[in-house]
PDB file of N, CA and C in Angstrom:
ATOM      1  N   MET A   1      25.056   6.398   0.807  1.00  0.00           N
ATOM      2  CA  MET A   1      24.084   5.945  -0.620  1.00  0.00           C
ATOM      3  C   MET A   1      22.584   7.867  -0.618  1.00  0.00           C
ATOM      4  N   SER A   2      21.950   7.231  -1.534  1.00  0.00           N
ATOM      5  CA  SER A   2      21.571   8.573  -0.836  1.00  0.00           C
ATOM      6  C   SER A   2      19.675   8.470  -0.442  1.00  0.00           C
ATOM      7  N   ILE A   3      19.452   9.305  -0.310  1.00  0.00           N
ATOM      8  CA  ILE A   3      17.687   9.631   0.430  1.00  0.00           C
ATOM      9  C   ILE A   3      17.063   8.900  -0.441  1.00  0.00           C
ATOM     10  N   LEU A   4      17.079   8.543  -1.145  1.00  0.00           N
ATOM     11  CA  LEU A   4      16.135   7.950  -2.172  1.00  0.00           C
ATOM     12  C   LEU A   4      16.676   6.383  -1.778  1.00  0.00           C
ATOM     13  N   GLU A   5      17.463   6.123  -1.260  1.00  0.00           N
ATOM     14  CA  GLU A   5      17.842   4.781  -1.407  1.00  0.00           C
ATOM     15  C   GLU A   5      17.706   3.710   0.066  1.00  0.00           C
ATOM     16  N   LYS A   6      17.820   5.382   1.152  1.00  0.00           N
ATOM     17  CA  LYS A   6      18.076   4.921   1.847  1.00  0.00           C
ATOM     18  C   LYS A   6      16.447   4.745   2.439  1.00  0.00           C
ATOM     19  N   VAL A   7      14.883   5.310   1.270  1.00  0.00           N
ATOM     20  CA  VAL A   7      13.641   5.509   2.239  1.00  0.00           C
ATOM     21  C   VAL A   7      13.590   3.903   1.090  1.00  0.00           C
ATOM     22  N   LYS A   8      13.822   3.482   0.202  1.00  0.00           N
ATOM     23  CA  LYS A   8      13.916   2.616  -0.572  1.00  0.00           C
ATOM     24  C   LYS A   8      13.959   1.023   0.668  1.00  0.00           C
ATOM     25  N   ASN A   9      15.236   0.730   0.765  1.00  0.00           N
ATOM     26  CA  ASN A   9      16.029  -0.104   2.293  1.00  0.00           C
ATOM     27  C   ASN A   9      14.831  -0.012   3.177  1.00  0.00           C
ATOM     28  N   GLU A  10      14.044   1.115   4.230  1.00  0.00           N
ATOM     29  CA  GLU A  10      13.340   1.195   4.823  1.00  0.00           C
ATOM     30  C   GLU A  10      12.236  -0.009   4.653  1.00  0.00           C
ATOM     31  N   PHE A  11      11.961   0.903   3.300  1.00  0.00           N
ATOM     32  CA  PHE A  11      10.472   0.255   2.682  1.00  0.00           C
ATOM     33  C   PHE A  11      10.672  -1.086   2.482  1.00  0.00           C
ATOM     34  N   ILE A  12      11.586  -2.119   1.488  1.00  0.00           N
ATOM     35  CA  ILE A  12      11.477  -3.376   1.524  1.00  0.00           C
ATOM     36  C   ILE A  12      12.243  -3.830   2.861  1.00  0.00           C
ATOM     37  N   ARG A  13      12.290  -2.931   4.506  1.00  0.00           N
ATOM     38  CA  ARG A  13      12.381  -3.775   5.277  1.00  0.00           C
ATOM     39  C   ARG A  13      10.620  -4.707   5.804  1.00  0.00           C
ATOM     40  N   VAL A  14      10.389  -3.888   5.280  1.00  0.00           N
ATOM     41  CA  VAL A  14       8.325  -3.854   6.292  1.00  0.00           C
ATOM     42  C   VAL A  14       7.958  -4.179   5.763  1.00  0.00           C
ATOM     43  N   CYS A  15       8.396  -4.138   4.113  1.00  0.00           N
ATOM     44  CA  CYS A  15       7.696  -5.474   3.663  1.00  0.00           C
ATOM     45  C   CYS A  15       8.494  -6.879   3.496  1.00  0.00           C
ATOM     46  N   ASN A  16       9.067  -6.831   3.953  1.00  0.00           N
ATOM     47  CA  ASN A  16       9.517  -8.718   4.442  1.00  0.00           C
ATOM     48  C   ASN A  16       9.479  -8.860   6.093  1.00  0.00           C
ATOM     49  N   GLU A  17       8.842  -7.641   6.634  1.00  0.00           N
ATOM     50  CA  GLU A  17       8.161  -8.503   7.825  1.00  0.00           C
ATOM     51  C   GLU A  17       6.491  -8.540   7.885  1.00  0.00           C
ATOM     52  N   ARG A  18       5.511  -7.363   6.138  1.00  0.00           N
ATOM     53  CA  ARG A  18       4.248  -8.140   6.341  1.00  0.00           C
ATOM     54  C   ARG A  18       4.367  -8.300   5.119  1.00  0.00           C
ATOM     55  N   SER A  19       4.935  -9.361   4.675  1.00  0.00           N
ATOM     56  CA  SER A  19       5.029 -10.067   2.985  1.00  0.00           C
ATOM     57  C   SER A  19       3.971  -9.711   2.449  1.00  0.00           C
ATOM     58  N   LEU A  20       3.930  -8.812   1.795  1.00  0.00           N
ATOM     59  CA  LEU A  20       4.068  -7.650   1.176  1.00  0.00           C
ATOM     60  C   LEU A  20       4.149  -7.914  -1.159  1.00  0.00           C
ATOM     61  N   TYR A  21       5.036  -8.624  -1.236  1.00  0.00           N
ATOM     62  CA  TYR A  21       5.627  -8.820  -1.792  1.00  0.00           C
ATOM     63  C   TYR A  21       4.313  -8.729  -3.089  1.00  0.00           C
ATOM     64  N   LEU A  22       3.266 -10.689  -3.513  1.00  0.00           N
ATOM     65  CA  LEU A  22       2.145 -10.053  -3.887  1.00  0.00           C
ATOM     66  C   LEU A  22       0.979  -9.561  -3.784  1.00  0.00           C
ATOM     67  N   ASN A  23       1.435  -8.200  -3.423  1.00  0.00           N
ATOM     68  CA  ASN A  23      -0.483  -7.683  -3.175  1.00  0.00           C
ATOM     69  C   ASN A  23      -0.071  -6.588  -4.246  1.00  0.00           C
ATOM     70  N   GLN A  24      -0.932  -6.766  -4.629  1.00  0.00           N
ATOM     71  CA  GLN A  24      -1.235  -5.835  -6.419  1.00  0.00           C
ATOM     72  C   GLN A  24      -1.717  -3.573  -5.883  1.00  0.00           C
ATOM     73  N   ILE A  25      -0.479  -3.439  -7.208  1.00  0.00           N
ATOM     74  CA  ILE A  25      -0.338  -1.990  -7.026  1.00  0.00           C
ATOM     75  C   ILE A  25      -1.219  -1.351  -8.627  1.00  0.00           C
ATOM     76  N   ILE A  26      -1.965  -0.999  -7.959  1.00  0.00           N
ATOM     77  CA  ILE A  26      -2.696  -0.241  -9.846  1.00  0.00           C
ATOM     78  C   ILE A  26      -2.472   1.368  -9.963  1.00  0.00           C
ATOM     79  N   ILE A  27      -1.509   1.617 -10.597  1.00  0.00           N
ATOM     80  CA  ILE A  27      -1.377   3.202 -10.678  1.00  0.00           C
ATOM     81  C   ILE A  27      -1.696   3.736 -12.141  1.00  0.00           C
ATOM     82  N   HIS A  28      -2.332   4.943 -12.408  1.00  0.00           N
ATOM     83  CA  HIS A  28      -2.418   5.557 -13.518  1.00  0.00           C
ATOM     84  C   HIS A  28      -2.938   7.285 -12.988  1.00  0.00           C
ATOM     85  N   PRO A  29      -2.554   7.886 -14.334  1.00  0.00           N
ATOM     86  CA  PRO A  29      -2.153   9.435 -14.092  1.00  0.00           C
ATOM     87  C   PRO A  29      -4.228   9.925 -13.678  1.00  0.00           C
ATOM     88  N   LEU A  30      -3.425  11.121 -13.031  1.00  0.00           N
ATOM     89  CA  LEU A  30      -5.427  12.075 -12.929  1.00  0.00           C
ATOM     90  C   LEU A  30      -5.560  13.028 -14.013  1.00  0.00           C
ATOM     91  N   LEU A  31      -6.410  13.268 -14.409  1.00  0.00           N
ATOM     92  CA  LEU A  31      -7.986  15.001 -15.767  1.00  0.00           C
ATOM     93  C   LEU A  31      -6.864  15.349 -14.654  1.00  0.00           C
ATOM     94  N   PRO A  32      -6.550  16.673 -14.484  1.00  0.00           N
ATOM     95  CA  PRO A  32      -6.679  17.507 -13.729  1.00  0.00           C
ATOM     96  C   PRO A  32      -8.471  18.263 -12.488  1.00  0.00           C
ATOM     97  N   ARG A  33      -9.407  17.948 -13.711  1.00  0.00           N
ATOM     98  CA  ARG A  33     -10.746  17.766 -12.717  1.00  0.00           C
ATOM     99  C   ARG A  33     -10.247  16.535 -11.750  1.00  0.00           C
ATOM    100  N   GLU A  34     -10.181  15.809 -12.174  1.00  0.00           N
ATOM    101  CA  GLU A  34     -10.296  15.039 -11.586  1.00  0.00           C
ATOM    102  C   GLU A  34      -9.043  14.348 -10.274  1.00  0.00           C
ATOM    103  N   ALA A  35      -8.589  15.237 -10.628  1.00  0.00           N
ATOM    104  CA  ALA A  35      -7.437  15.959  -9.527  1.00  0.00           C
ATOM    105  C   ALA A  35      -7.808  16.714  -8.513  1.00  0.00           C
ATOM    106  N   ILE A  36      -8.110  17.749  -9.172  1.00  0.00           N
ATOM    107  CA  ILE A  36      -8.724  19.180  -7.979  1.00  0.00           C
ATOM    108  C   ILE A  36     -10.200  19.626  -7.715  1.00  0.00           C
ATOM    109  N   GLY A  37     -10.755  19.326  -8.604  1.00  0.00           N
ATOM    110  CA  GLY A  37     -13.124  19.400  -9.266  1.00  0.00           C
ATOM    111  C   GLY A  37     -12.052  20.998  -9.911  1.00  0.00           C
ATOM    112  N   ASP A  38     -12.741  21.102  -9.608  1.00  0.00           N
ATOM    113  CA  ASP A  38     -13.024  21.970 -10.886  1.00  0.00           C
ATOM    114  C   ASP A  38     -12.774  23.610 -10.238  1.00  0.00           C
ATOM    115  N   ALA A  39     -11.783  24.089  -9.640  1.00  0.00           N
ATOM    116  CA  ALA A  39     -11.467  24.887  -7.585  1.00  0.00           C
ATOM    117  C   ALA A  39     -11.152  25.683  -9.331  1.00  0.00           C
ATOM    118  N   GLU A  40     -11.209  27.341  -9.656  1.00  0.00           N
ATOM    119  CA  GLU A  40     -11.021  28.287 -10.184  1.00  0.00           C
ATOM    120  C   GLU A  40      -9.127  28.824  -9.895  1.00  0.00           C
ATOM    121  N   GLY A  41      -8.762  29.225 -10.641  1.00  0.00           N
ATOM    122  CA  GLY A  41      -7.606  29.501 -10.675  1.00  0.00           C
ATOM    123  C   GLY A  41      -5.714  29.171 -10.789  1.00  0.00           C
ATOM    124  N   ASP A  42      -4.883  29.724 -10.942  1.00  0.00           N
ATOM    125  CA  ASP A  42      -3.935  30.104 -11.953  1.00  0.00           C
ATOM    126  C   ASP A  42      -2.675  28.246 -11.582  1.00  0.00           C
ATOM    127  N   PHE A  43      -3.880  26.683 -11.176  1.00  0.00           N
ATOM    128  CA  PHE A  43      -2.724  25.702 -11.322  1.00  0.00           C
ATOM    129  C   PHE A  43      -2.200  25.361 -11.674  1.00  0.00           C
ATOM    130  N   VAL A  44      -0.509  24.964 -11.284  1.00  0.00           N
ATOM    131  CA  VAL A  44       0.008  24.476 -12.583  1.00  0.00           C
ATOM    132  C   VAL A  44      -0.329  23.089 -13.733  1.00  0.00           C
ATOM    133  N   ILE A  45      -1.391  22.190 -12.782  1.00  0.00           N
ATOM    134  CA  ILE A  45      -1.861  20.936 -13.331  1.00  0.00           C
ATOM    135  C   ILE A  45      -3.041  21.483 -14.146  1.00  0.00           C
ATOM    136  N   LYS A  46      -3.079  23.103 -14.035  1.00  0.00           N
ATOM    137  CA  LYS A  46      -4.151  23.098 -15.038  1.00  0.00           C
ATOM    138  C   LYS A  46      -3.345  23.287 -17.116  1.00  0.00           C
ATOM    139  N   LYS A  47      -2.140  23.436 -16.473  1.00  0.00           N
ATOM    140  CA  LYS A  47      -1.189  23.810 -17.735  1.00  0.00           C
ATOM    141  C   LYS A  47      -0.040  22.985 -18.104  1.00  0.00           C
ATOM    142  N   GLY A  48      -0.229  21.408 -17.908  1.00  0.00           N
ATOM    143  CA  GLY A  48       0.042  19.966 -18.302  1.00  0.00           C
ATOM    144  C   GLY A  48       1.558  20.557 -17.881  1.00  0.00           C
ATOM    145  N   LYS A  49       1.934  21.311 -16.991  1.00  0.00           N
ATOM    146  CA  LYS A  49       3.296  21.039 -16.522  1.00  0.00           C
ATOM    147  C   LYS A  49       3.634  20.334 -15.013  1.00  0.00           C
ATOM    148  N   GLU A  50       2.775  19.276 -14.345  1.00  0.00           N
ATOM    149  CA  GLU A  50       3.085  18.604 -13.086  1.00  0.00           C
ATOM    150  C   GLU A  50       1.501  18.087 -13.395  1.00  0.00           C
ATOM    151  N   TYR A  51       1.659  17.069 -13.528  1.00  0.00           N
ATOM    152  CA  TYR A  51       0.642  16.016 -12.992  1.00  0.00           C
ATOM    153  C   TYR A  51       0.261  15.766 -11.755  1.00  0.00           C
ATOM    154  N   VAL A  52      -0.864  15.009 -11.539  1.00  0.00           N
ATOM    155  CA  VAL A  52      -1.302  13.885 -10.711  1.00  0.00           C
ATOM    156  C   VAL A  52      -1.277  12.265 -11.019  1.00  0.00           C
ATOM    157  N   ILE A  53      -0.304  11.363 -10.314  1.00  0.00           N
ATOM    158  CA  ILE A  53      -0.618   9.786 -10.755  1.00  0.00           C
ATOM    159  C   ILE A  53      -1.433   9.391  -9.034  1.00  0.00           C
ATOM    160  N   GLU A  54      -2.688   8.492  -9.048  1.00  0.00           N
ATOM    161  CA  GLU A  54      -2.804   8.100  -8.054  1.00  0.00           C
ATOM    162  C   GLU A  54      -2.521   6.435  -7.696  1.00  0.00           C
ATOM    163  N   ALA A  55      -2.206   5.620  -7.358  1.00  0.00           N
ATOM    164  CA  ALA A  55      -2.200   4.774  -6.738  1.00  0.00           C
ATOM    165  C   ALA A  55      -3.124   4.000  -5.778  1.00  0.00           C
ATOM    166  N   THR A  56      -3.842   2.309  -6.150  1.00  0.00           N
ATOM    167  CA  THR A  56      -4.619   2.494  -5.172  1.00  0.00           C
ATOM    168  C   THR A  56      -4.244   1.199  -4.748  1.00  0.00           C
ATOM    169  N   PHE A  57      -3.701   0.638  -3.640  1.00  0.00           N
ATOM    170  CA  PHE A  57      -3.001  -0.399  -2.780  1.00  0.00           C
ATOM    171  C   PHE A  57      -3.883  -0.853  -1.689  1.00  0.00           C
ATOM    172  N   GLU A  58      -5.062  -2.181  -2.097  1.00  0.00           N
ATOM    173  CA  GLU A  58      -5.572  -3.160  -1.356  1.00  0.00           C
ATOM    174  C   GLU A  58      -6.237  -2.310  -0.488  1.00  0.00           C
ATOM    175  N   ASN A  59      -7.213  -1.469   0.289  1.00  0.00           N
ATOM    176  CA  ASN A  59      -8.549  -0.737   0.374  1.00  0.00           C
ATOM    177  C   ASN A  59      -8.482   0.867   0.544  1.00  0.00           C
ATOM    178  N   ALA A  60      -6.640   1.429  -0.144  1.00  0.00           N
ATOM    179  CA  ALA A  60      -5.720   2.308   0.584  1.00  0.00           C
ATOM    180  C   ALA A  60      -5.723   2.896  -1.268  1.00  0.00           C
ATOM    181  N   ARG A  61      -6.013   4.587  -1.203  1.00  0.00           N
ATOM    182  CA  ARG A  61      -4.995   5.552  -2.696  1.00  0.00           C
ATOM    183  C   ARG A  61      -4.858   6.425  -1.847  1.00  0.00           C
ATOM    184  N   GLY A  62      -3.856   7.049  -2.904  1.00  0.00           N
ATOM    185  CA  GLY A  62      -2.457   7.714  -2.966  1.00  0.00           C
ATOM    186  C   GLY A  62      -1.771   8.351  -3.822  1.00  0.00           C
ATOM    187  N   GLN A  63      -2.159   9.766  -3.453  1.00  0.00           N
ATOM    188  CA  GLN A  63      -1.713   9.811  -4.736  1.00  0.00           C
ATOM    189  C   GLN A  63      -0.457  11.523  -4.414  1.00  0.00           C
ATOM    190  N   ALA A  64       0.218  11.253  -6.212  1.00  0.00           N
ATOM    191  CA  ALA A  64       1.348  11.362  -5.954  1.00  0.00           C
ATOM    192  C   ALA A  64       1.463  13.302  -7.385  1.00  0.00           C
ATOM    193  N   PHE A  65       2.194  13.975  -7.041  1.00  0.00           N
ATOM    194  CA  PHE A  65       3.065  14.677  -8.508  1.00  0.00           C
ATOM    195  C   PHE A  65       3.767  14.717  -8.492  1.00  0.00           C
ATOM    196  N   THR A  66       3.834  14.573 -10.560  1.00  0.00           N
ATOM    197  CA  THR A  66       5.196  14.046 -11.416  1.00  0.00           C
ATOM    198  C   THR A  66       5.150  14.578 -12.408  1.00  0.00           C
ATOM    199  N   SER A  67       6.281  15.442 -13.095  1.00  0.00           N
ATOM    200  CA  SER A  67       6.784  15.764 -13.998  1.00  0.00           C
ATOM    201  C   SER A  67       6.904  14.517 -15.219  1.00  0.00           C
ATOM    202  N   THR A  68       6.262  13.044 -15.043  1.00  0.00           N
ATOM    203  CA  THR A  68       6.395  11.582 -15.804  1.00  0.00           C
ATOM    204  C   THR A  68       5.594  11.493 -15.666  1.00  0.00           C
ATOM    205  N   PRO A  69       4.806  11.887 -15.942  1.00  0.00           N
ATOM    206  CA  PRO A  69       3.531  10.719 -15.762  1.00  0.00           C
ATOM    207  C   PRO A  69       3.152   9.330 -16.245  1.00  0.00           C
ATOM    208  N   CYS A  70       2.626   7.806 -15.513  1.00  0.00           N
ATOM    209  CA  CYS A  70       2.619   6.549 -15.870  1.00  0.00           C
ATOM    210  C   CYS A  70       1.099   5.944 -16.302  1.00  0.00           C
ATOM    211  N   LYS A  71       0.905   5.132 -16.252  1.00  0.00           N
ATOM    212  CA  LYS A  71       0.065   4.178 -16.062  1.00  0.00           C
ATOM    213  C   LYS A  71       0.829   2.780 -15.732  1.00  0.00           C
ATOM    214  N   TRP A  72       0.316   1.968 -14.651  1.00  0.00           N
ATOM    215  CA  TRP A  72       1.480   1.245 -14.222  1.00  0.00           C
ATOM    216  C   TRP A  72       0.471   0.086 -13.816  1.00  0.00           C
ATOM    217  N   ASN A  73       0.745  -1.756 -13.411  1.00  0.00           N
ATOM    218  CA  ASN A  73       0.392  -1.940 -13.037  1.00  0.00           C
ATOM    219  C   ASN A  73       0.500  -3.334 -12.540  1.00  0.00           C
ATOM    220  N   GLY A  74       0.874  -3.770 -11.512  1.00  0.00           N
ATOM    221  CA  GLY A  74       2.091  -4.568 -10.591  1.00  0.00           C
ATOM    222  C   GLY A  74       2.035  -5.330 -10.139  1.00  0.00           C
ATOM    223  N   THR A  75       3.263  -6.268  -8.992  1.00  0.00           N
ATOM    224  CA  THR A  75       2.575  -6.265  -7.905  1.00  0.00           C
ATOM    225  C   THR A  75       3.929  -5.680  -6.876  1.00  0.00           C
ATOM    226  N   LEU A  76       4.104  -5.393  -5.606  1.00  0.00           N
ATOM    227  CA  LEU A  76       4.688  -4.667  -5.014  1.00  0.00           C
ATOM    228  C   LEU A  76       6.450  -5.007  -4.911  1.00  0.00           C
ATOM    229  N   GLY A  77       6.765  -6.511  -4.900  1.00  0.00           N
ATOM    230  CA  GLY A  77       8.229  -6.539  -5.716  1.00  0.00           C
ATOM    231  C   GLY A  77       8.284  -6.650  -7.064  1.00  0.00           C
ATOM    232  N   GLU A  78       8.022  -6.224  -7.994  1.00  0.00           N
ATOM    233  CA  GLU A  78       8.051  -6.014  -9.202  1.00  0.00           C
ATOM    234  C   GLU A  78       8.055  -4.539  -9.248  1.00  0.00           C
ATOM    235  N   LEU A  79       7.468  -3.077  -8.168  1.00  0.00           N
ATOM    236  CA  LEU A  79       7.178  -1.750  -7.908  1.00  0.00           C
ATOM    237  C   LEU A  79       8.973  -1.146  -7.786  1.00  0.00           C
ATOM    238  N   LEU A  80      10.076  -2.139  -6.415  1.00  0.00           N
ATOM    239  CA  LEU A  80      10.132  -2.046  -5.886  1.00  0.00           C
ATOM    240  C   LEU A  80      11.254  -2.922  -6.679  1.00  0.00           C
ATOM    241  N   SER A  81      11.729  -3.845  -7.321  1.00  0.00           N
ATOM    242  CA  SER A  81      12.850  -3.653  -8.514  1.00  0.00           C
ATOM    243  C   SER A  81      13.428  -2.907  -9.409  1.00  0.00           C
ATOM    244  N   LEU A  82      12.603  -1.216  -9.554  1.00  0.00           N
ATOM    245  CA  LEU A  82      12.303  -0.800  -9.987  1.00  0.00           C
ATOM    246  C   LEU A  82      14.024   0.117  -9.507  1.00  0.00           C
ATOM    247  N   GLU A  83      14.808   0.818 -11.322  1.00  0.00           N
ATOM    248  CA  GLU A  83      15.329   1.386 -10.691  1.00  0.00           C
ATOM    249  C   GLU A  83      15.252   2.834 -10.486  1.00  0.00           C
ATOM    250  N   LEU A  84      15.707   3.475  -9.184  1.00  0.00           N
ATOM    251  CA  LEU A  84      15.013   4.800  -9.127  1.00  0.00           C
ATOM    252  C   LEU A  84      16.096   5.817  -9.663  1.00  0.00           C
ATOM    253  N   SER A  85      17.355   5.751 -10.118  1.00  0.00           N
ATOM    254  CA  SER A  85      18.108   6.562 -11.159  1.00  0.00           C
ATOM    255  C   SER A  85      17.621   6.708 -13.137  1.00  0.00           C
ATOM    256  N   ASP A  86      15.722   6.160 -12.785  1.00  0.00           N
ATOM    257  CA  ASP A  86      15.676   6.441 -14.190  1.00  0.00           C
ATOM    258  C   ASP A  86      14.318   7.447 -12.884  1.00  0.00           C
ATOM    259  N   VAL A  87      14.858   8.514 -13.437  1.00  0.00           N
ATOM    260  CA  VAL A  87      13.453   9.579 -13.196  1.00  0.00           C
ATOM    261  C   VAL A  87      11.992   8.655 -13.830  1.00  0.00           C
ATOM    262  N   SER A  88      11.758   8.493 -14.704  1.00  0.00           N
ATOM    263  CA  SER A  88      10.096   8.080 -15.705  1.00  0.00           C
ATOM    264  C   SER A  88       9.248   7.093 -14.342  1.00  0.00           C
ATOM    265  N   ASN A  89      10.371   6.276 -13.645  1.00  0.00           N
ATOM    266  CA  ASN A  89      10.126   5.655 -12.966  1.00  0.00           C
ATOM    267  C   ASN A  89      10.542   6.222 -11.642  1.00  0.00           C
ATOM    268  N   ARG A  90      10.958   7.714 -11.252  1.00  0.00           N
ATOM    269  CA  ARG A  90      10.213   7.879 -10.121  1.00  0.00           C
ATOM    270  C   ARG A  90       8.834   8.704  -9.430  1.00  0.00           C
ATOM    271  N   GLY A  91       7.995   8.392 -11.105  1.00  0.00           N
ATOM    272  CA  GLY A  91       6.275   8.527 -11.356  1.00  0.00           C
ATOM    273  C   GLY A  91       5.418   8.130 -10.484  1.00  0.00           C
ATOM    274  N   ILE A  92       6.277   5.977 -10.185  1.00  0.00           N
ATOM    275  CA  ILE A  92       5.512   6.228  -9.997  1.00  0.00           C
ATOM    276  C   ILE A  92       5.410   5.709  -8.265  1.00  0.00           C
ATOM    277  N   SER A  93       4.482   5.486  -8.434  1.00  0.00           N
ATOM    278  CA  SER A  93       4.356   5.620  -5.690  1.00  0.00           C
ATOM    279  C   SER A  93       3.026   5.136  -5.351  1.00  0.00           C
ATOM    280  N   CYS A  94       3.392   4.124  -4.453  1.00  0.00           N
ATOM    281  CA  CYS A  94       2.665   3.576  -3.575  1.00  0.00           C
ATOM    282  C   CYS A  94       2.092   4.375  -2.412  1.00  0.00           C
ATOM    283  N   PRO A  95       1.453   4.309  -1.892  1.00  0.00           N
ATOM    284  CA  PRO A  95       0.212   4.401  -0.743  1.00  0.00           C
ATOM    285  C   PRO A  95       0.501   3.905   0.318  1.00  0.00           C
ATOM    286  N   LEU A  96       1.500   4.147   1.557  1.00  0.00           N
ATOM    287  CA  LEU A  96       1.995   3.029   2.054  1.00  0.00           C
ATOM    288  C   LEU A  96       2.548   3.539   3.549  1.00  0.00           C
TER     289      LEU A  96
END
């Protein structure tokens, strides 16, 4: 079992304990200026090789770097049904 599968299984266990499956998650990519402001320097995010996505869950927000940014909206249960072997699905994050 891969580390991604182990983490996902533990996360599913916590979601079961807390009945979180119907809670909504909204994920969207951030523009470089939204992610790092007007910072000067040679940042990879400014070159478009890496992107930042932001997930909103209840009253929390979390960001992650990805090479495959996406826009996604759904329930936590739907998020957990995504196949992690699909690299584009790894660009979806959850701030828990």
